[in-house]
Amino acid sequence: MIRLRKMDTILHNAQRQGRISFYMTHHGEEAIHMGSASALSSQDVIFAQYREAGLLMWRGFTLEQFCNQCFSNDHDLGKGRQMPIHYGCRALNYQTVSSPLGTQITQAVGAAYKFKLDAMNNKEKEAAI
């Protein structure tokens, strides 16, 4: 939680200085991120909104990766095609953040339905659903 808050301070200052175009802090929400992330398994898919970077941090997204994404450089996993703080990481099962709030709900429902259908067709996975 302290790492997330320190990252917020640095990147928020960078945004205020004009070095990055957009940044939103997570102040006061850090414990919610860490608590919910600790209850999930690494196989669980996350459809987050833009103030939930702590979930991604819990899963192992590095500070360097956060900075690469915010500065939209060539090391960014999205290759600079997303607005700052619209993180995503396929390897960590973290879907790219969508700007409009609430869109994650229908996306998550669709993904859950697909996982359920897959489990029905694969008896080994059925126990996990």
Foldseek 3Di string as FASTA:
>chain_A
DVVLQVLLVVVVVCCVVVQFPDDDHLPPPLVVLVVVLVVDDQPDAAADALNRCNSVVNLPCDSVQLVCQRNLPCVHPVNSPDHRSQDDDVNSNYHGHDHDPPPSVVVVVVVVVVLCVVCVVPVVCVVVD
